[in-house]
Amino acid sequence: MRNRLVLFVTTLLLVSCWDKKTNTQQTEEREDSVVCTENVQFVTDSIILKKKLSDGEYPKYTIEIKVEYAKGDSKAAQNINSQLASLLFGLNNLPLKEAQKHFTDSLSENFEKELKEFYEPDNEYQDIFAYEYSQKGTVSAESLEGVIAYTSRIETYMGGAHGGALESYLNFHKDTGLKITAEELFGKNLDTVKKLVKEQIVKDNDCKSAAELEEKRSIFSLGDVYISDNNFQLRNNGILFCYNPYDIAPWSEGFIFTILTYNQLEGLVNPVIKTAK
């Protein structure tokens, strides 16, 4: 399912770059609230679409997108929103709110097209024709001092035995709004940090070796640990690393999370941030 989810979302992000308008009947709701950080205010924007494609109960789909974005025209806010438009919606050439609307319209169009094409009125499992897409983008209350740590969480169902889920992160310098990259943070120590992440996952699961963990729970059977700009989050108590279902383990193992404390990472993190002990 994850392969289909990744392919679908990737294709959708490409589709959303087309400059076209859609004419879909939809119910839309928006609500604004404000989350304050030291330098930047974040406003919550929501879009909820629910649509039936026939007089019966099925086929139908629900889309709910609720994201926090930086308020105002400061350079920091512009930098943050540009990166968020790319992370959340695959668009970096539109203002974030426009990118959100454009993405939602494209997703709605794709859901409707697929459901109409594959709907089987005589199929006894009608609930497989009830598509769902939920995306939330939030600023972490546990962000490291001087950092805005941001989480995107996607949960979706597009038929089949189970849904899909993806979680990804961005970390921003609070004063400039610039993205903190893995290369900037770890530099030449990246491979050493990956080794520590793997060792910590083994310890988290009360195993003595990666081989033992793979044998018992199939973790690492689908791939080794990696560190990208979007799978670590800078928190007060350490750096959180996330591996989505099917990244390094089967769906049954769910998300694999682990945290390395700043003490564990002493000497391995470049001085681009002020780390807590």
Foldseek 3Di string as FASTA:
>chain_A
DVVVVVVVLVVLLVVLPDPDDDDDDWDWDWDWDWDDDPQWIKIKTKTWTWDAPDPDPDQIEIEIEIEIATDDDDQLRLLQQLVCLCVPRVDNPDGNVVSVVSSVRSVVVVLVVVLVVPPDPPDPCRCLSYKYKYWYKDFDPFAAPQKTKIKIKIWIHNGDDGTFIDMWIWIARSVRNHTDWPCQWQPPCQVVVLVVVLVQLCVVVVHDDPVVCCVVFVFQVQHGDHDTNIAWGHGQFFIKGWDAASRGGHCVVGIRIDGDGVVNCVPRTPPPDDHDD
